[in-house]
Structure formats: structure tokens, C-alpha cells
Full PDB file with SEQRES, HELIX, SHEET, SSBOND, CRYST1, ORIGX, SCALE, CONECT and MASTER records, all heavy atoms in Angstrom:
SEQRES   1 A   38  ILE ALA GLU LEU GLY PRO SER GLY GLN PHE GLY ALA GLU          
SEQRES   2 A   38  ALA GLY SER ILE TYR ALA PHE GLY ARG PRO SER SER THR          
SEQRES   3 A   38  LEU GLY PRO ARG GLU SER ALA LEU LEU ALA ALA ILE              
HELIX    1 AA1 GLY A   11  PHE A   20  1                                  10    
HELIX    2 AA2 SER A   24  THR A   26  5                                   3    
HELIX    3 AA3 PRO A   29  ALA A   37  1                                   9    
CRYST1    1.000    1.000    1.000  90.00  90.00  90.00 P 1           1          
ORIGX1      1.000000  0.000000  0.000000        0.00000                         
ORIGX2      0.000000  1.000000  0.000000        0.00000                         
ORIGX3      0.000000  0.000000  1.000000        0.00000                         
SCALE1      1.000000  0.000000  0.000000        0.00000                         
SCALE2      0.000000  1.000000  0.000000        0.00000                         
SCALE3      0.000000  0.000000  1.000000        0.00000                         
ATOM      1  N   ILE A   1      36.682  59.406 -19.802  1.00  0.00           N  
ATOM      2  CA  ILE A   1      36.195  60.616 -20.474  1.00  0.00           C  
ATOM      3  C   ILE A   1      37.225  61.245 -21.405  1.00  0.00           C  
ATOM      4  O   ILE A   1      36.880  62.116 -22.202  1.00  0.00           O  
ATOM      5  CB  ILE A   1      35.699  61.681 -19.466  1.00  0.00           C  
ATOM      6  CG1 ILE A   1      36.835  62.131 -18.548  1.00  0.00           C  
ATOM      7  CG2 ILE A   1      34.516  61.166 -18.670  1.00  0.00           C  
ATOM      8  CD1 ILE A   1      36.429  63.233 -17.580  1.00  0.00           C  
ATOM      9  N   ALA A   2      38.480  60.804 -21.331  1.00  0.00           N  
ATOM     10  CA  ALA A   2      39.506  61.363 -22.219  1.00  0.00           C  
ATOM     11  C   ALA A   2      39.200  60.991 -23.661  1.00  0.00           C  
ATOM     12  O   ALA A   2      38.744  59.879 -23.956  1.00  0.00           O  
ATOM     13  CB  ALA A   2      40.886  60.851 -21.817  1.00  0.00           C  
ATOM     14  N   GLU A   3      39.443  61.914 -24.567  1.00  0.00           N  
ATOM     15  CA  GLU A   3      39.242  61.655 -25.997  1.00  0.00           C  
ATOM     16  C   GLU A   3      40.387  60.783 -26.496  1.00  0.00           C  
ATOM     17  O   GLU A   3      41.553  61.153 -26.394  1.00  0.00           O  
ATOM     18  CB  GLU A   3      39.174  62.967 -26.772  1.00  0.00           C  
ATOM     19  CG  GLU A   3      38.687  62.819 -28.195  1.00  0.00           C  
ATOM     20  CD  GLU A   3      38.511  64.161 -28.907  1.00  0.00           C  
ATOM     21  OE1 GLU A   3      38.926  65.191 -28.340  1.00  0.00           O  
ATOM     22  OE2 GLU A   3      37.941  64.165 -30.011  1.00  0.00           O  
ATOM     23  N   LEU A   4      40.070  59.616 -27.071  1.00  0.00           N  
ATOM     24  CA  LEU A   4      41.097  58.658 -27.463  1.00  0.00           C  
ATOM     25  C   LEU A   4      40.876  58.111 -28.868  1.00  0.00           C  
ATOM     26  O   LEU A   4      41.206  56.962 -29.164  1.00  0.00           O  
ATOM     27  CB  LEU A   4      41.147  57.500 -26.458  1.00  0.00           C  
ATOM     28  CG  LEU A   4      41.946  57.788 -25.176  1.00  0.00           C  
ATOM     29  CD1 LEU A   4      41.725  56.698 -24.137  1.00  0.00           C  
ATOM     30  CD2 LEU A   4      43.431  57.914 -25.499  1.00  0.00           C  
ATOM     31  N   GLY A   5      40.330  58.949 -29.729  1.00  0.00           N  
ATOM     32  CA  GLY A   5      40.143  58.542 -31.114  1.00  0.00           C  
ATOM     33  C   GLY A   5      39.812  59.746 -31.969  1.00  0.00           C  
ATOM     34  O   GLY A   5      39.422  60.796 -31.454  1.00  0.00           O  
ATOM     35  N   PRO A   6      39.934  59.617 -33.295  1.00  0.00           N  
ATOM     36  CA  PRO A   6      39.778  60.767 -34.183  1.00  0.00           C  
ATOM     37  C   PRO A   6      38.342  61.137 -34.521  1.00  0.00           C  
ATOM     38  O   PRO A   6      38.092  62.194 -35.084  1.00  0.00           O  
ATOM     39  CB  PRO A   6      40.518  60.320 -35.445  1.00  0.00           C  
ATOM     40  CG  PRO A   6      40.325  58.834 -35.463  1.00  0.00           C  
ATOM     41  CD  PRO A   6      40.353  58.414 -34.019  1.00  0.00           C  
ATOM     42  N   SER A   7      37.388  60.256 -34.190  1.00  0.00           N  
ATOM     43  CA  SER A   7      36.007  60.528 -34.601  1.00  0.00           C  
ATOM     44  C   SER A   7      35.027  60.257 -33.466  1.00  0.00           C  
ATOM     45  O   SER A   7      34.068  59.510 -33.622  1.00  0.00           O  
ATOM     46  CB  SER A   7      35.646  59.682 -35.827  1.00  0.00           C  
ATOM     47  OG  SER A   7      35.940  58.306 -35.605  1.00  0.00           O  
ATOM     48  N   GLY A   8      35.321  60.863 -32.307  1.00  0.00           N  
ATOM     49  CA  GLY A   8      34.387  60.784 -31.192  1.00  0.00           C  
ATOM     50  C   GLY A   8      34.552  59.581 -30.297  1.00  0.00           C  
ATOM     51  O   GLY A   8      33.610  59.225 -29.583  1.00  0.00           O  
ATOM     52  N   GLN A   9      35.703  58.944 -30.296  1.00  0.00           N  
ATOM     53  CA  GLN A   9      35.960  57.842 -29.368  1.00  0.00           C  
ATOM     54  C   GLN A   9      36.434  58.420 -28.029  1.00  0.00           C  
ATOM     55  O   GLN A   9      37.451  59.116 -27.978  1.00  0.00           O  
ATOM     56  CB  GLN A   9      37.018  56.873 -29.909  1.00  0.00           C  
ATOM     57  CG  GLN A   9      36.581  56.033 -31.083  1.00  0.00           C  
ATOM     58  CD  GLN A   9      36.707  56.748 -32.416  1.00  0.00           C  
ATOM     59  OE1 GLN A   9      37.360  57.783 -32.522  1.00  0.00           O  
ATOM     60  NE2 GLN A   9      36.101  56.198 -33.458  1.00  0.00           N  
ATOM     61  N   PHE A  10      35.700  58.132 -26.981  1.00  0.00           N  
ATOM     62  CA  PHE A  10      36.031  58.636 -25.653  1.00  0.00           C  
ATOM     63  C   PHE A  10      36.233  57.460 -24.697  1.00  0.00           C  
ATOM     64  O   PHE A  10      35.454  56.503 -24.694  1.00  0.00           O  
ATOM     65  CB  PHE A  10      34.914  59.537 -25.119  1.00  0.00           C  
ATOM     66  CG  PHE A  10      34.808  60.860 -25.813  1.00  0.00           C  
ATOM     67  CD1 PHE A  10      34.069  60.978 -26.979  1.00  0.00           C  
ATOM     68  CD2 PHE A  10      35.451  61.982 -25.314  1.00  0.00           C  
ATOM     69  CE1 PHE A  10      33.959  62.198 -27.630  1.00  0.00           C  
ATOM     70  CE2 PHE A  10      35.361  63.201 -25.960  1.00  0.00           C  
ATOM     71  CZ  PHE A  10      34.613  63.318 -27.126  1.00  0.00           C  
ATOM     72  N   GLY A  11      37.267  57.560 -23.906  1.00  0.00           N  
ATOM     73  CA  GLY A  11      37.519  56.548 -22.902  1.00  0.00           C  
ATOM     74  C   GLY A  11      38.378  55.401 -23.399  1.00  0.00           C  
ATOM     75  O   GLY A  11      38.540  55.183 -24.603  1.00  0.00           O  
ATOM     76  N   ALA A  12      38.923  54.652 -22.427  1.00  0.00           N  
ATOM     77  CA  ALA A  12      39.861  53.583 -22.740  1.00  0.00           C  
ATOM     78  C   ALA A  12      39.240  52.486 -23.596  1.00  0.00           C  
ATOM     79  O   ALA A  12      39.886  51.961 -24.511  1.00  0.00           O  
ATOM     80  CB  ALA A  12      40.401  52.986 -21.441  1.00  0.00           C  
ATOM     81  N   GLU A  13      37.989  52.132 -23.315  1.00  0.00           N  
ATOM     82  CA  GLU A  13      37.378  51.008 -24.034  1.00  0.00           C  
ATOM     83  C   GLU A  13      37.156  51.347 -25.510  1.00  0.00           C  
ATOM     84  O   GLU A  13      37.554  50.575 -26.395  1.00  0.00           O  
ATOM     85  CB  GLU A  13      36.058  50.627 -23.365  1.00  0.00           C  
ATOM     86  CG  GLU A  13      35.499  49.308 -23.823  1.00  0.00           C  
ATOM     87  CD  GLU A  13      36.258  48.101 -23.304  1.00  0.00           C  
ATOM     88  OE1 GLU A  13      37.313  48.283 -22.645  1.00  0.00           O  
ATOM     89  OE2 GLU A  13      35.817  46.976 -23.565  1.00  0.00           O  
ATOM     90  N   ALA A  14      36.541  52.489 -25.770  1.00  0.00           N  
ATOM     91  CA  ALA A  14      36.302  52.874 -27.162  1.00  0.00           C  
ATOM     92  C   ALA A  14      37.617  53.121 -27.890  1.00  0.00           C  
ATOM     93  O   ALA A  14      37.771  52.747 -29.059  1.00  0.00           O  
ATOM     94  CB  ALA A  14      35.424  54.124 -27.220  1.00  0.00           C  
ATOM     95  N   GLY A  15      38.580  53.742 -27.218  1.00  0.00           N  
ATOM     96  CA  GLY A  15      39.876  54.003 -27.837  1.00  0.00           C  
ATOM     97  C   GLY A  15      40.616  52.730 -28.168  1.00  0.00           C  
ATOM     98  O   GLY A  15      41.229  52.602 -29.237  1.00  0.00           O  
ATOM     99  N   SER A  16      40.562  51.763 -27.258  1.00  0.00           N  
ATOM    100  CA  SER A  16      41.246  50.495 -27.482  1.00  0.00           C  
ATOM    101  C   SER A  16      40.604  49.699 -28.609  1.00  0.00           C  
ATOM    102  O   SER A  16      41.298  49.127 -29.465  1.00  0.00           O  
ATOM    103  CB  SER A  16      41.227  49.671 -26.187  1.00  0.00           C  
ATOM    104  OG  SER A  16      41.831  48.413 -26.390  1.00  0.00           O  
ATOM    105  N   ILE A  17      39.295  49.665 -28.638  1.00  0.00           N  
ATOM    106  CA  ILE A  17      38.595  48.925 -29.696  1.00  0.00           C  
ATOM    107  C   ILE A  17      38.865  49.560 -31.054  1.00  0.00           C  
ATOM    108  O   ILE A  17      39.100  48.865 -32.048  1.00  0.00           O  
ATOM    109  CB  ILE A  17      37.089  48.870 -29.394  1.00  0.00           C  
ATOM    110  CG1 ILE A  17      36.837  47.961 -28.181  1.00  0.00           C  
ATOM    111  CG2 ILE A  17      36.303  48.379 -30.608  1.00  0.00           C  
ATOM    112  CD1 ILE A  17      35.417  47.974 -27.687  1.00  0.00           C  
ATOM    113  N   TYR A  18      38.870  50.901 -31.105  1.00  0.00           N  
ATOM    114  CA  TYR A  18      39.147  51.569 -32.380  1.00  0.00           C  
ATOM    115  C   TYR A  18      40.581  51.303 -32.833  1.00  0.00           C  
ATOM    116  O   TYR A  18      40.825  50.992 -34.017  1.00  0.00           O  
ATOM    117  CB  TYR A  18      38.929  53.075 -32.249  1.00  0.00           C  
ATOM    118  CG  TYR A  18      39.364  53.829 -33.485  1.00  0.00           C  
ATOM    119  CD1 TYR A  18      38.547  53.885 -34.609  1.00  0.00           C  
ATOM    120  CD2 TYR A  18      40.612  54.450 -33.546  1.00  0.00           C  
ATOM    121  CE1 TYR A  18      38.959  54.536 -35.765  1.00  0.00           C  
ATOM    122  CE2 TYR A  18      41.030  55.103 -34.688  1.00  0.00           C  
ATOM    123  CZ  TYR A  18      40.208  55.149 -35.800  1.00  0.00           C  
ATOM    124  OH  TYR A  18      40.628  55.785 -36.940  1.00  0.00           O  
ATOM    125  N   ALA A  19      41.547  51.422 -31.918  1.00  0.00           N  
ATOM    126  CA  ALA A  19      42.954  51.329 -32.308  1.00  0.00           C  
ATOM    127  C   ALA A  19      43.406  49.893 -32.549  1.00  0.00           C  
ATOM    128  O   ALA A  19      44.156  49.619 -33.500  1.00  0.00           O  
ATOM    129  CB  ALA A  19      43.829  51.970 -31.235  1.00  0.00           C  
ATOM    130  N   PHE A  20      42.935  48.962 -31.699  1.00  0.00           N  
ATOM    131  CA  PHE A  20      43.489  47.609 -31.742  1.00  0.00           C  
ATOM    132  C   PHE A  20      42.444  46.515 -31.969  1.00  0.00           C  
ATOM    133  O   PHE A  20      42.807  45.343 -32.090  1.00  0.00           O  
ATOM    134  CB  PHE A  20      44.238  47.328 -30.424  1.00  0.00           C  
ATOM    135  CG  PHE A  20      45.222  48.392 -30.047  1.00  0.00           C  
ATOM    136  CD1 PHE A  20      45.030  49.156 -28.906  1.00  0.00           C  
ATOM    137  CD2 PHE A  20      46.325  48.660 -30.846  1.00  0.00           C  
ATOM    138  CE1 PHE A  20      45.923  50.153 -28.548  1.00  0.00           C  
ATOM    139  CE2 PHE A  20      47.230  49.649 -30.507  1.00  0.00           C  
ATOM    140  CZ  PHE A  20      47.031  50.407 -29.359  1.00  0.00           C  
ATOM    141  N   GLY A  21      41.163  46.897 -32.005  1.00  0.00           N  
ATOM    142  CA  GLY A  21      40.126  45.914 -32.254  1.00  0.00           C  
ATOM    143  C   GLY A  21      39.853  44.985 -31.095  1.00  0.00           C  
ATOM    144  O   GLY A  21      39.257  43.910 -31.295  1.00  0.00           O  
ATOM    145  N   ARG A  22      40.243  45.374 -29.887  1.00  0.00           N  
ATOM    146  CA  ARG A  22      39.988  44.532 -28.722  1.00  0.00           C  
ATOM    147  C   ARG A  22      39.824  45.387 -27.477  1.00  0.00           C  
ATOM    148  O   ARG A  22      40.231  46.551 -27.459  1.00  0.00           O  
ATOM    149  CB  ARG A  22      41.090  43.495 -28.533  1.00  0.00           C  
ATOM    150  CG  ARG A  22      42.506  44.012 -28.570  1.00  0.00           C  
ATOM    151  CD  ARG A  22      43.481  42.845 -28.803  1.00  0.00           C  
ATOM    152  NE  ARG A  22      44.852  43.292 -28.913  1.00  0.00           N  
ATOM    153  CZ  ARG A  22      45.678  43.395 -27.882  1.00  0.00           C  
ATOM    154  NH1 ARG A  22      45.254  43.104 -26.661  1.00  0.00           N  
ATOM    155  NH2 ARG A  22      46.917  43.796 -28.057  1.00  0.00           N  
ATOM    156  N   PRO A  23      39.222  44.836 -26.427  1.00  0.00           N  
ATOM    157  CA  PRO A  23      38.915  45.642 -25.237  1.00  0.00           C  
ATOM    158  C   PRO A  23      40.157  46.054 -24.463  1.00  0.00           C  
ATOM    159  O   PRO A  23      41.225  45.444 -24.586  1.00  0.00           O  
ATOM    160  CB  PRO A  23      38.021  44.714 -24.404  1.00  0.00           C  
ATOM    161  CG  PRO A  23      38.333  43.343 -24.884  1.00  0.00           C  
ATOM    162  CD  PRO A  23      38.670  43.471 -26.326  1.00  0.00           C  
ATOM    163  N   SER A  24      39.977  47.082 -23.647  1.00  0.00           N  
ATOM    164  CA  SER A  24      41.105  47.631 -22.898  1.00  0.00           C  
ATOM    165  C   SER A  24      41.621  46.674 -21.828  1.00  0.00           C  
ATOM    166  O   SER A  24      42.741  46.829 -21.350  1.00  0.00           O  
ATOM    167  CB  SER A  24      40.709  48.959 -22.253  1.00  0.00           C  
ATOM    168  OG  SER A  24      39.598  48.791 -21.396  1.00  0.00           O  
ATOM    169  N   SER A  25      40.833  45.687 -21.451  1.00  0.00           N  
ATOM    170  CA  SER A  25      41.288  44.715 -20.459  1.00  0.00           C  
ATOM    171  C   SER A  25      42.419  43.843 -20.982  1.00  0.00           C  
ATOM    172  O   SER A  25      43.158  43.237 -20.197  1.00  0.00           O  
ATOM    173  CB  SER A  25      40.120  43.820 -20.018  1.00  0.00           C  
ATOM    174  OG  SER A  25      39.581  43.124 -21.131  1.00  0.00           O  
ATOM    175  N   THR A  26      42.581  43.779 -22.311  1.00  0.00           N  
ATOM    176  CA  THR A  26      43.570  42.888 -22.922  1.00  0.00           C  
ATOM    177  C   THR A  26      44.843  43.614 -23.333  1.00  0.00           C  
ATOM    178  O   THR A  26      45.749  42.984 -23.884  1.00  0.00           O  
ATOM    179  CB  THR A  26      42.973  42.194 -24.158  1.00  0.00           C  
ATOM    180  OG1 THR A  26      42.706  43.179 -25.177  1.00  0.00           O  
ATOM    181  CG2 THR A  26      41.673  41.480 -23.811  1.00  0.00           C  
ATOM    182  N   LEU A  27      44.922  44.909 -23.093  1.00  0.00           N  
ATOM    183  CA  LEU A  27      46.068  45.675 -23.580  1.00  0.00           C  
ATOM    184  C   LEU A  27      47.356  45.275 -22.869  1.00  0.00           C  
ATOM    185  O   LEU A  27      47.393  45.097 -21.660  1.00  0.00           O  
ATOM    186  CB  LEU A  27      45.825  47.173 -23.371  1.00  0.00           C  
ATOM    187  CG  LEU A  27      44.692  47.805 -24.174  1.00  0.00           C  
ATOM    188  CD1 LEU A  27      44.582  49.290 -23.838  1.00  0.00           C  
ATOM    189  CD2 LEU A  27      44.903  47.609 -25.666  1.00  0.00           C  
ATOM    190  N   GLY A  28      48.407  45.166 -23.657  1.00  0.00           N  
ATOM    191  CA  GLY A  28      49.723  44.927 -23.098  1.00  0.00           C  
ATOM    192  C   GLY A  28      50.479  46.232 -22.921  1.00  0.00           C  
ATOM    193  O   GLY A  28      49.953  47.322 -23.184  1.00  0.00           O  
ATOM    194  N   PRO A  29      51.736  46.169 -22.498  1.00  0.00           N  
ATOM    195  CA  PRO A  29      52.524  47.387 -22.267  1.00  0.00           C  
ATOM    196  C   PRO A  29      52.663  48.263 -23.505  1.00  0.00           C  
ATOM    197  O   PRO A  29      52.528  49.478 -23.428  1.00  0.00           O  
ATOM    198  CB  PRO A  29      53.881  46.843 -21.812  1.00  0.00           C  
ATOM    199  CG  PRO A  29      53.602  45.471 -21.297  1.00  0.00           C  
ATOM    200  CD  PRO A  29      52.467  44.955 -22.110  1.00  0.00           C  
ATOM    201  N   ARG A  30      52.924  47.669 -24.668  1.00  0.00           N  
ATOM    202  CA  ARG A  30      53.154  48.464 -25.876  1.00  0.00           C  
ATOM    203  C   ARG A  30      51.887  49.181 -26.312  1.00  0.00           C  
ATOM    204  O   ARG A  30      51.913  50.374 -26.623  1.00  0.00           O  
ATOM    205  CB  ARG A  30      53.670  47.583 -27.009  1.00  0.00           C  
ATOM    206  CG  ARG A  30      53.920  48.363 -28.301  1.00  0.00           C  
ATOM    207  CD  ARG A  30      54.443  47.468 -29.416  1.00  0.00           C  
ATOM    208  NE  ARG A  30      54.596  48.223 -30.660  1.00  0.00           N  
ATOM    209  CZ  ARG A  30      53.617  48.432 -31.529  1.00  0.00           C  
ATOM    210  NH1 ARG A  30      52.396  47.962 -31.272  1.00  0.00           N  
ATOM    211  NH2 ARG A  30      53.829  49.129 -32.632  1.00  0.00           N  
ATOM    212  N   GLU A  31      50.751  48.461 -26.358  1.00  0.00           N  
ATOM    213  CA  GLU A  31      49.508  49.087 -26.772  1.00  0.00           C  
ATOM    214  C   GLU A  31      49.095  50.196 -25.811  1.00  0.00           C  
ATOM    215  O   GLU A  31      48.607  51.254 -26.225  1.00  0.00           O  
ATOM    216  CB  GLU A  31      48.383  48.045 -26.866  1.00  0.00           C  
ATOM    217  CG  GLU A  31      48.565  47.016 -27.962  1.00  0.00           C  
ATOM    218  CD  GLU A  31      49.305  45.790 -27.491  1.00  0.00           C  
ATOM    219  OE1 GLU A  31      49.850  45.819 -26.357  1.00  0.00           O  
ATOM    220  OE2 GLU A  31      49.348  44.810 -28.235  1.00  0.00           O  
ATOM    221  N   SER A  32      49.299  49.965 -24.523  1.00  0.00           N  
ATOM    222  CA  SER A  32      48.973  50.987 -23.519  1.00  0.00           C  
ATOM    223  C   SER A  32      49.812  52.232 -23.724  1.00  0.00           C  
ATOM    224  O   SER A  32      49.308  53.358 -23.642  1.00  0.00           O  
ATOM    225  CB  SER A  32      49.197  50.417 -22.114  1.00  0.00           C  
ATOM    226  OG  SER A  32      48.354  49.319 -21.859  1.00  0.00           O  
ATOM    227  N   ALA A  33      51.095  52.043 -24.004  1.00  0.00           N  
ATOM    228  CA  ALA A  33      51.974  53.181 -24.231  1.00  0.00           C  
ATOM    229  C   ALA A  33      51.586  53.946 -25.495  1.00  0.00           C  
ATOM    230  O   ALA A  33      51.672  55.175 -25.541  1.00  0.00           O  
ATOM    231  CB  ALA A  33      53.425  52.713 -24.311  1.00  0.00           C  
ATOM    232  N   LEU A  34      51.142  53.236 -26.524  1.00  0.00           N  
ATOM    233  CA  LEU A  34      50.707  53.897 -27.755  1.00  0.00           C  
ATOM    234  C   LEU A  34      49.464  54.752 -27.502  1.00  0.00           C  
ATOM    235  O   LEU A  34      49.371  55.879 -28.007  1.00  0.00           O  
ATOM    236  CB  LEU A  34      50.421  52.856 -28.842  1.00  0.00           C  
ATOM    237  CG  LEU A  34      51.639  52.216 -29.515  1.00  0.00           C  
ATOM    238  CD1 LEU A  34      51.215  51.038 -30.378  1.00  0.00           C  
ATOM    239  CD2 LEU A  34      52.398  53.244 -30.352  1.00  0.00           C  
ATOM    240  N   LEU A  35      48.506  54.237 -26.737  1.00  0.00           N  
ATOM    241  CA  LEU A  35      47.323  55.034 -26.420  1.00  0.00           C  
ATOM    242  C   LEU A  35      47.704  56.271 -25.607  1.00  0.00           C  
ATOM    243  O   LEU A  35      47.175  57.356 -25.835  1.00  0.00           O  
ATOM    244  CB  LEU A  35      46.306  54.194 -25.645  1.00  0.00           C  
ATOM    245  CG  LEU A  35      45.358  53.312 -26.448  1.00  0.00           C  
ATOM    246  CD1 LEU A  35      44.383  52.602 -25.513  1.00  0.00           C  
ATOM    247  CD2 LEU A  35      44.589  54.110 -27.496  1.00  0.00           C  
ATOM    248  N   ALA A  36      48.612  56.105 -24.656  1.00  0.00           N  
ATOM    249  CA  ALA A  36      49.046  57.248 -23.852  1.00  0.00           C  
ATOM    250  C   ALA A  36      49.735  58.301 -24.718  1.00  0.00           C  
ATOM    251  O   ALA A  36      49.612  59.505 -24.464  1.00  0.00           O  
ATOM    252  CB  ALA A  36      49.987  56.783 -22.739  1.00  0.00           C  
ATOM    253  N   ALA A  37      50.443  57.852 -25.749  1.00  0.00           N  
ATOM    254  CA  ALA A  37      51.201  58.775 -26.593  1.00  0.00           C  
ATOM    255  C   ALA A  37      50.320  59.672 -27.448  1.00  0.00           C  
ATOM    256  O   ALA A  37      50.762  60.730 -27.902  1.00  0.00           O  
ATOM    257  CB  ALA A  37      52.164  57.991 -27.488  1.00  0.00           C  
ATOM    258  N   ILE A  38      49.059  59.278 -27.685  1.00  0.00           N  
ATOM    259  CA  ILE A  38      48.186  60.106 -28.537  1.00  0.00           C  
ATOM    260  C   ILE A  38      47.327  61.069 -27.731  1.00  0.00           C  
ATOM    261  O   ILE A  38      46.595  61.883 -28.308  1.00  0.00           O  
ATOM    262  CB  ILE A  38      47.277  59.234 -29.432  1.00  0.00           C  
ATOM    263  CG1 ILE A  38      46.200  58.518 -28.603  1.00  0.00           C  
ATOM    264  CG2 ILE A  38      48.106  58.242 -30.238  1.00  0.00           C  
ATOM    265  CD1 ILE A  38      45.120  57.861 -29.441  1.00  0.00           C  
TER     266      ILE A  38                                                      
MASTER        0    0    0    3    0    0    0    6  265    1    0    3          
END                                                                             
């Protein structure tokens, strides 16, 4: 439910797809840290 994008992206899956073009199941340490930082 956390907002993770600039135009209505909510949650890890939508945020990950918007930021990196792939699902949250594939995130590595760096991508995860970048999402946490925003």
C-alpha cells in the first residue's frame, strides 16, 4: 500500500515495474535500496 511512484504507483510490484521494468521478485540489493530511498 505504500506509494512508490510519481503517478499513482502503489506497492512493491507497481513501484518496481515503473522504476526498473521488472517485477519485485527479481530485485537485487541495489534496486531494493533505491526503492527504499524514495
